[in-house]
């Protein structure tokens, strides 16, 4: 079951080469995904699945579009 995965800003270097068809297991959650990618939880501010903001316990399904965003500062 592949998903389309995107990591933004400072998380971009953690995006795998196969991000456009990243395999997930049945029942895998956003939290499971971040752990597999080695993204520290404090570095995850927003997660969107198919354009909607979700929590870390959201289950992923085949074909989902997932975007992971870090906290962003600016001035």
PDB file of N, CA and C in Angstrom:
ATOM      1  N   UNK A   1       0.835  -1.176   0.000  1.00  0.00           N
ATOM      2  CA  UNK A   1       0.000   0.000   0.000  1.00  0.00           C
ATOM      3  C   UNK A   1       0.886   1.249   0.000  1.00  0.00           C
ATOM      4  N   UNK A   2       1.038   1.904  -1.110  1.00  0.00           N
ATOM      5  CA  UNK A   2       1.881   3.108  -1.135  1.00  0.00           C
ATOM      6  C   UNK A   2       1.095   4.383  -0.843  1.00  0.00           C
ATOM      7  N   UNK A   3       1.817   5.358  -0.289  1.00  0.00           N
ATOM      8  CA  UNK A   3       1.285   6.705  -0.093  1.00  0.00           C
ATOM      9  C   UNK A   3       2.212   7.679  -0.817  1.00  0.00           C
ATOM     10  N   UNK A   4       1.724   8.893  -1.035  1.00  0.00           N
ATOM     11  CA  UNK A   4       2.540   9.972  -1.587  1.00  0.00           C
ATOM     12  C   UNK A   4       2.957  10.838  -0.409  1.00  0.00           C
ATOM     13  N   UNK A   5       4.226  10.793  -0.065  1.00  0.00           N
ATOM     14  CA  UNK A   5       4.748  11.433   1.135  1.00  0.00           C
ATOM     15  C   UNK A   5       5.564  12.667   0.788  1.00  0.00           C
ATOM     16  N   UNK A   6       5.342  13.744   1.551  1.00  0.00           N
ATOM     17  CA  UNK A   6       6.145  14.952   1.400  1.00  0.00           C
ATOM     18  C   UNK A   6       6.517  15.467   2.784  1.00  0.00           C
ATOM     19  N   UNK A   7       7.790  15.767   2.960  1.00  0.00           N
ATOM     20  CA  UNK A   7       8.300  16.388   4.185  1.00  0.00           C
ATOM     21  C   UNK A   7       8.780  17.780   3.801  1.00  0.00           C
ATOM     22  N   UNK A   8       8.401  18.782   4.571  1.00  0.00           N
ATOM     23  CA  UNK A   8       8.662  20.161   4.185  1.00  0.00           C
ATOM     24  C   UNK A   8       9.686  20.838   5.087  1.00  0.00           C
ATOM     25  N   UNK A   9      10.271  21.907   4.550  1.00  0.00           N
ATOM     26  CA  UNK A   9      11.223  22.779   5.251  1.00  0.00           C
ATOM     27  C   UNK A   9      12.380  21.963   5.822  1.00  0.00           C
ATOM     28  N   UNK A  10      12.610  22.065   7.116  1.00  0.00           N
ATOM     29  CA  UNK A  10      13.765  21.395   7.723  1.00  0.00           C
ATOM     30  C   UNK A  10      13.628  19.871   7.724  1.00  0.00           C
ATOM     31  N   UNK A  11      12.440  19.357   7.461  1.00  0.00           N
ATOM     32  CA  UNK A  11      12.236  17.903   7.412  1.00  0.00           C
ATOM     33  C   UNK A  11      12.511  17.321   6.024  1.00  0.00           C
ATOM     34  N   UNK A  12      12.670  18.169   5.028  1.00  0.00           N
ATOM     35  CA  UNK A  12      12.880  17.705   3.658  1.00  0.00           C
ATOM     36  C   UNK A  12      14.040  16.716   3.509  1.00  0.00           C
ATOM     37  N   UNK A  13      15.157  16.909   4.202  1.00  0.00           N
ATOM     38  CA  UNK A  13      16.258  15.949   4.063  1.00  0.00           C
ATOM     39  C   UNK A  13      15.907  14.537   4.551  1.00  0.00           C
ATOM     40  N   UNK A  14      14.845  14.407   5.338  1.00  0.00           N
ATOM     41  CA  UNK A  14      14.445  13.093   5.847  1.00  0.00           C
ATOM     42  C   UNK A  14      13.490  12.358   4.910  1.00  0.00           C
ATOM     43  N   UNK A  15      13.095  13.015   3.826  1.00  0.00           N
ATOM     44  CA  UNK A  15      12.172  12.392   2.885  1.00  0.00           C
ATOM     45  C   UNK A  15      12.897  11.302   2.101  1.00  0.00           C
ATOM     46  N   UNK A  16      12.337  10.096   2.069  1.00  0.00           N
ATOM     47  CA  UNK A  16      12.996   8.998   1.359  1.00  0.00           C
ATOM     48  C   UNK A  16      12.930   9.171  -0.155  1.00  0.00           C
ATOM     49  N   UNK A  17      13.825   8.486  -0.846  1.00  0.00           N
ATOM     50  CA  UNK A  17      13.892   8.569  -2.306  1.00  0.00           C
ATOM     51  C   UNK A  17      12.598   8.077  -2.962  1.00  0.00           C
ATOM     52  N   UNK A  18      11.921   7.140  -2.327  1.00  0.00           N
ATOM     53  CA  UNK A  18      10.686   6.574  -2.894  1.00  0.00           C
ATOM     54  C   UNK A  18       9.438   7.251  -2.327  1.00  0.00           C
ATOM     55  N   UNK A  19       9.545   8.524  -1.970  1.00  0.00           N
ATOM     56  CA  UNK A  19       8.454   9.237  -1.303  1.00  0.00           C
ATOM     57  C   UNK A  19       7.169   9.285  -2.124  1.00  0.00           C
ATOM     58  N   UNK A  20       7.264   9.271  -3.431  1.00  0.00           N
ATOM     59  CA  UNK A  20       6.078   9.317  -4.281  1.00  0.00           C
ATOM     60  C   UNK A  20       5.264   8.043  -4.237  1.00  0.00           C
ATOM     61  N   UNK A  21       5.860   6.964  -3.795  1.00  0.00           N
ATOM     62  CA  UNK A  21       5.168   5.680  -3.648  1.00  0.00           C
ATOM     63  C   UNK A  21       5.748   4.965  -2.428  1.00  0.00           C
ATOM     64  N   UNK A  22       5.666   5.638  -1.270  1.00  0.00           N
ATOM     65  CA  UNK A  22       6.247   5.105  -0.046  1.00  0.00           C
ATOM     66  C   UNK A  22       5.347   4.018   0.525  1.00  0.00           C
ATOM     67  N   UNK A  23       5.895   2.826   0.748  1.00  0.00           N
ATOM     68  CA  UNK A  23       5.054   1.719   1.229  1.00  0.00           C
ATOM     69  C   UNK A  23       4.708   1.856   2.705  1.00  0.00           C
ATOM     70  N   UNK A  24       3.449   1.552   3.026  1.00  0.00           N
ATOM     71  CA  UNK A  24       3.017   1.511   4.416  1.00  0.00           C
ATOM     72  C   UNK A  24       2.349   0.164   4.677  1.00  0.00           C
ATOM     73  N   UNK A  25       2.274  -0.180   5.944  1.00  0.00           N
ATOM     74  CA  UNK A  25       1.610  -1.415   6.353  1.00  0.00           C
ATOM     75  C   UNK A  25       0.145  -1.131   6.675  1.00  0.00           C
ATOM     76  N   UNK A  26      -0.718  -2.116   6.537  1.00  0.00           N
ATOM     77  CA  UNK A  26      -2.115  -1.917   6.929  1.00  0.00           C
ATOM     78  C   UNK A  26      -2.200  -1.479   8.389  1.00  0.00           C
ATOM     79  N   UNK A  27      -3.003  -0.452   8.657  1.00  0.00           N
ATOM     80  CA  UNK A  27      -3.183   0.046  10.008  1.00  0.00           C
ATOM     81  C   UNK A  27      -2.110   0.999  10.486  1.00  0.00           C
ATOM     82  N   UNK A  28      -1.129   1.286   9.643  1.00  0.00           N
ATOM     83  CA  UNK A  28      -0.063   2.204  10.045  1.00  0.00           C
ATOM     84  C   UNK A  28      -0.633   3.604  10.272  1.00  0.00           C
ATOM     85  N   UNK A  29      -0.159   4.260  11.322  1.00  0.00           N
ATOM     86  CA  UNK A  29      -0.620   5.611  11.653  1.00  0.00           C
ATOM     87  C   UNK A  29       0.448   6.638  11.275  1.00  0.00           C
ATOM     88  N   UNK A  30       0.067   7.893  11.373  1.00  0.00           N
ATOM     89  CA  UNK A  30       1.030   8.967  11.136  1.00  0.00           C
ATOM     90  C   UNK A  30       2.183   8.856  12.131  1.00  0.00           C
ATOM     91  N   UNK A  31       1.885   8.534  13.382  1.00  0.00           N
ATOM     92  CA  UNK A  31       2.926   8.372  14.392  1.00  0.00           C
ATOM     93  C   UNK A  31       3.891   7.248  14.000  1.00  0.00           C
ATOM     94  N   UNK A  32       3.360   6.122  13.550  1.00  0.00           N
ATOM     95  CA  UNK A  32       4.208   5.016  13.085  1.00  0.00           C
ATOM     96  C   UNK A  32       5.117   5.483  11.951  1.00  0.00           C
ATOM     97  N   UNK A  33       4.540   6.241  11.034  1.00  0.00           N
ATOM     98  CA  UNK A  33       5.289   6.733   9.878  1.00  0.00           C
ATOM     99  C   UNK A  33       6.435   7.648  10.311  1.00  0.00           C
ATOM    100  N   UNK A  34       6.155   8.581  11.213  1.00  0.00           N
ATOM    101  CA  UNK A  34       7.216   9.486  11.655  1.00  0.00           C
ATOM    102  C   UNK A  34       8.337   8.723  12.353  1.00  0.00           C
ATOM    103  N   UNK A  35       7.989   7.716  13.130  1.00  0.00           N
ATOM    104  CA  UNK A  35       9.011   6.891  13.787  1.00  0.00           C
ATOM    105  C   UNK A  35       9.866   6.167  12.751  1.00  0.00           C
ATOM    106  N   UNK A  36       9.231   5.591  11.731  1.00  0.00           N
ATOM    107  CA  UNK A  36       9.976   4.891  10.675  1.00  0.00           C
ATOM    108  C   UNK A  36      10.928   5.822   9.948  1.00  0.00           C
ATOM    109  N   UNK A  37      10.509   7.072   9.769  1.00  0.00           N
ATOM    110  CA  UNK A  37      11.334   8.052   9.064  1.00  0.00           C
ATOM    111  C   UNK A  37      12.411   8.653   9.958  1.00  0.00           C
ATOM    112  N   UNK A  38      12.329   8.400  11.261  1.00  0.00           N
ATOM    113  CA  UNK A  38      13.307   8.957  12.194  1.00  0.00           C
ATOM    114  C   UNK A  38      13.086  10.422  12.486  1.00  0.00           C
ATOM    115  N   UNK A  39      11.841  10.882  12.382  1.00  0.00           N
ATOM    116  CA  UNK A  39      11.523  12.281  12.649  1.00  0.00           C
ATOM    117  C   UNK A  39      11.155  12.420  14.129  1.00  0.00           C
ATOM    118  N   UNK A  40      11.913  13.212  14.883  1.00  0.00           N
ATOM    119  CA  UNK A  40      11.569  13.422  16.302  1.00  0.00           C
ATOM    120  C   UNK A  40      10.201  14.091  16.425  1.00  0.00           C
ATOM    121  N   UNK A  41       9.392  13.653  17.372  1.00  0.00           N
ATOM    122  CA  UNK A  41       8.035  14.188  17.518  1.00  0.00           C
ATOM    123  C   UNK A  41       8.010  15.692  17.748  1.00  0.00           C
ATOM    124  N   UNK A  42       9.027  16.211  18.427  1.00  0.00           N
ATOM    125  CA  UNK A  42       9.047  17.657  18.655  1.00  0.00           C
ATOM    126  C   UNK A  42       9.289  18.443  17.365  1.00  0.00           C
ATOM    127  N   UNK A  43       9.676  17.750  16.313  1.00  0.00           N
ATOM    128  CA  UNK A  43       9.898  18.395  15.013  1.00  0.00           C
ATOM    129  C   UNK A  43       8.661  18.348  14.117  1.00  0.00           C
ATOM    130  N   UNK A  44       7.580  17.744  14.590  1.00  0.00           N
ATOM    131  CA  UNK A  44       6.347  17.649  13.804  1.00  0.00           C
ATOM    132  C   UNK A  44       5.326  18.612  14.380  1.00  0.00           C
ATOM    133  N   UNK A  45       4.964  19.614  13.582  1.00  0.00           N
ATOM    134  CA  UNK A  45       3.975  20.599  14.025  1.00  0.00           C
ATOM    135  C   UNK A  45       2.615  20.343  13.386  1.00  0.00           C
ATOM    136  N   UNK A  46       2.601  20.074  12.090  1.00  0.00           N
ATOM    137  CA  UNK A  46       1.357  19.844  11.353  1.00  0.00           C
ATOM    138  C   UNK A  46       1.509  18.640  10.435  1.00  0.00           C
ATOM    139  N   UNK A  47       0.426  17.890  10.314  1.00  0.00           N
ATOM    140  CA  UNK A  47       0.381  16.787   9.355  1.00  0.00           C
ATOM    141  C   UNK A  47      -0.937  16.912   8.592  1.00  0.00           C
ATOM    142  N   UNK A  48      -0.831  16.853   7.280  1.00  0.00           N
ATOM    143  CA  UNK A  48      -2.013  16.866   6.427  1.00  0.00           C
ATOM    144  C   UNK A  48      -2.111  15.546   5.688  1.00  0.00           C
ATOM    145  N   UNK A  49      -3.297  14.981   5.648  1.00  0.00           N
ATOM    146  CA  UNK A  49      -3.564  13.786   4.847  1.00  0.00           C
ATOM    147  C   UNK A  49      -4.689  14.151   3.894  1.00  0.00           C
ATOM    148  N   UNK A  50      -4.394  14.058   2.620  1.00  0.00           N
ATOM    149  CA  UNK A  50      -5.361  14.413   1.576  1.00  0.00           C
ATOM    150  C   UNK A  50      -5.922  15.821   1.772  1.00  0.00           C
ATOM    151  N   UNK A  51      -5.049  16.744   2.209  1.00  0.00           N
ATOM    152  CA  UNK A  51      -5.424  18.141   2.334  1.00  0.00           C
ATOM    153  C   UNK A  51      -6.092  18.529   3.641  1.00  0.00           C
ATOM    154  N   UNK A  52      -6.307  17.578   4.550  1.00  0.00           N
ATOM    155  CA  UNK A  52      -6.942  17.877   5.832  1.00  0.00           C
ATOM    156  C   UNK A  52      -5.959  17.651   6.974  1.00  0.00           C
ATOM    157  N   UNK A  53      -5.948  18.564   7.937  1.00  0.00           N
ATOM    158  CA  UNK A  53      -5.085  18.405   9.104  1.00  0.00           C
ATOM    159  C   UNK A  53      -5.552  17.201   9.918  1.00  0.00           C
ATOM    160  N   UNK A  54      -4.597  16.394  10.368  1.00  0.00           N
ATOM    161  CA  UNK A  54      -4.917  15.196  11.147  1.00  0.00           C
ATOM    162  C   UNK A  54      -4.006  15.121  12.364  1.00  0.00           C
ATOM    163  N   UNK A  55      -4.381  14.269  13.312  1.00  0.00           N
ATOM    164  CA  UNK A  55      -3.555  14.022  14.490  1.00  0.00           C
ATOM    165  C   UNK A  55      -2.587  12.877  14.198  1.00  0.00           C
ATOM    166  N   UNK A  56      -1.638  12.705  15.098  1.00  0.00           N
ATOM    167  CA  UNK A  56      -0.630  11.660  14.902  1.00  0.00           C
ATOM    168  C   UNK A  56      -1.209  10.257  14.957  1.00  0.00           C
ATOM    169  N   UNK A  57      -2.384  10.096  15.553  1.00  0.00           N
ATOM    170  CA  UNK A  57      -2.970   8.758  15.620  1.00  0.00           C
ATOM    171  C   UNK A  57      -3.863   8.428  14.415  1.00  0.00           C
ATOM    172  N   UNK A  58      -3.884   9.302  13.421  1.00  0.00           N
ATOM    173  CA  UNK A  58      -4.677   9.049  12.215  1.00  0.00           C
ATOM    174  C   UNK A  58      -4.108   7.871  11.433  1.00  0.00           C
ATOM    175  N   UNK A  59      -4.992   6.961  11.041  1.00  0.00           N
ATOM    176  CA  UNK A  59      -4.584   5.798  10.254  1.00  0.00           C
ATOM    177  C   UNK A  59      -4.411   6.200   8.794  1.00  0.00           C
ATOM    178  N   UNK A  60      -3.404   5.634   8.162  1.00  0.00           N
ATOM    179  CA  UNK A  60      -3.131   5.904   6.745  1.00  0.00           C
ATOM    180  C   UNK A  60      -3.702   4.785   5.896  1.00  0.00           C
ATOM    181  N   UNK A  61      -4.093   5.137   4.667  1.00  0.00           N
ATOM    182  CA  UNK A  61      -4.633   4.139   3.749  1.00  0.00           C
ATOM    183  C   UNK A  61      -3.972   4.281   2.384  1.00  0.00           C
ATOM    184  N   UNK A  62      -4.148   3.285   1.583  1.00  0.00           N
ATOM    185  CA  UNK A  62      -3.567   3.220   0.254  1.00  0.00           C
ATOM    186  C   UNK A  62      -3.869   4.488  -0.546  1.00  0.00           C
ATOM    187  N   UNK A  63      -2.830   5.094  -1.104  1.00  0.00           N
ATOM    188  CA  UNK A  63      -2.990   6.254  -1.970  1.00  0.00           C
ATOM    189  C   UNK A  63      -3.083   7.591  -1.268  1.00  0.00           C
ATOM    190  N   UNK A  64      -3.016   7.611   0.067  1.00  0.00           N
ATOM    191  CA  UNK A  64      -3.089   8.890   0.780  1.00  0.00           C
ATOM    192  C   UNK A  64      -1.944   9.812   0.359  1.00  0.00           C
ATOM    193  N   UNK A  65      -2.225  11.112   0.365  1.00  0.00           N
ATOM    194  CA  UNK A  65      -1.207  12.147   0.174  1.00  0.00           C
ATOM    195  C   UNK A  65      -0.911  12.720   1.551  1.00  0.00           C
ATOM    196  N   UNK A  66       0.327  12.557   2.015  1.00  0.00           N
ATOM    197  CA  UNK A  66       0.710  12.943   3.374  1.00  0.00           C
ATOM    198  C   UNK A  66       1.766  14.038   3.325  1.00  0.00           C
ATOM    199  N   UNK A  67       1.523  15.120   4.047  1.00  0.00           N
ATOM    200  CA  UNK A  67       2.489  16.207   4.173  1.00  0.00           C
ATOM    201  C   UNK A  67       2.818  16.414   5.635  1.00  0.00           C
ATOM    202  N   UNK A  68       4.118  16.438   5.953  1.00  0.00           N
ATOM    203  CA  UNK A  68       4.579  16.621   7.327  1.00  0.00           C
ATOM    204  C   UNK A  68       5.360  17.941   7.393  1.00  0.00           C
ATOM    205  N   UNK A  69       4.947  18.802   8.327  1.00  0.00           N
ATOM    206  CA  UNK A  69       5.531  20.136   8.449  1.00  0.00           C
ATOM    207  C   UNK A  69       6.135  20.338   9.835  1.00  0.00           C
ATOM    208  N   UNK A  70       7.321  20.961   9.907  1.00  0.00           N
ATOM    209  CA  UNK A  70       7.923  21.282  11.191  1.00  0.00           C
ATOM    210  C   UNK A  70       7.378  22.601  11.722  1.00  0.00           C
ATOM    211  N   UNK A  71       7.703  22.927  12.991  1.00  0.00           N
ATOM    212  CA  UNK A  71       7.376  24.274  13.469  1.00  0.00           C
ATOM    213  C   UNK A  71       8.182  25.278  12.634  1.00  0.00           C
ATOM    214  N   UNK A  72       7.586  26.401  12.345  1.00  0.00           N
ATOM    215  CA  UNK A  72       8.256  27.401  11.517  1.00  0.00           C
ATOM    216  C   UNK A  72       8.316  28.698  12.300  1.00  0.00           C
ATOM    217  N   UNK A  73       9.487  29.277  12.326  1.00  0.00           N
ATOM    218  CA  UNK A  73       9.660  30.581  12.976  1.00  0.00           C
ATOM    219  C   UNK A  73       9.969  31.631  11.932  1.00  0.00           C
ATOM    220  N   UNK A  74       9.775  32.818  12.288  1.00  0.00           N
ATOM    221  CA  UNK A  74      10.068  33.888  11.350  1.00  0.00           C
ATOM    222  C   UNK A  74       9.872  35.232  12.022  1.00  0.00           C
ATOM    223  N   UNK A  75      10.077  36.247  11.250  1.00  0.00           N
ATOM    224  CA  UNK A  75       9.935  37.550  11.872  1.00  0.00           C
ATOM    225  C   UNK A  75       9.639  38.602  10.934  1.00  0.00           C
TER     226      UNK A  75
END
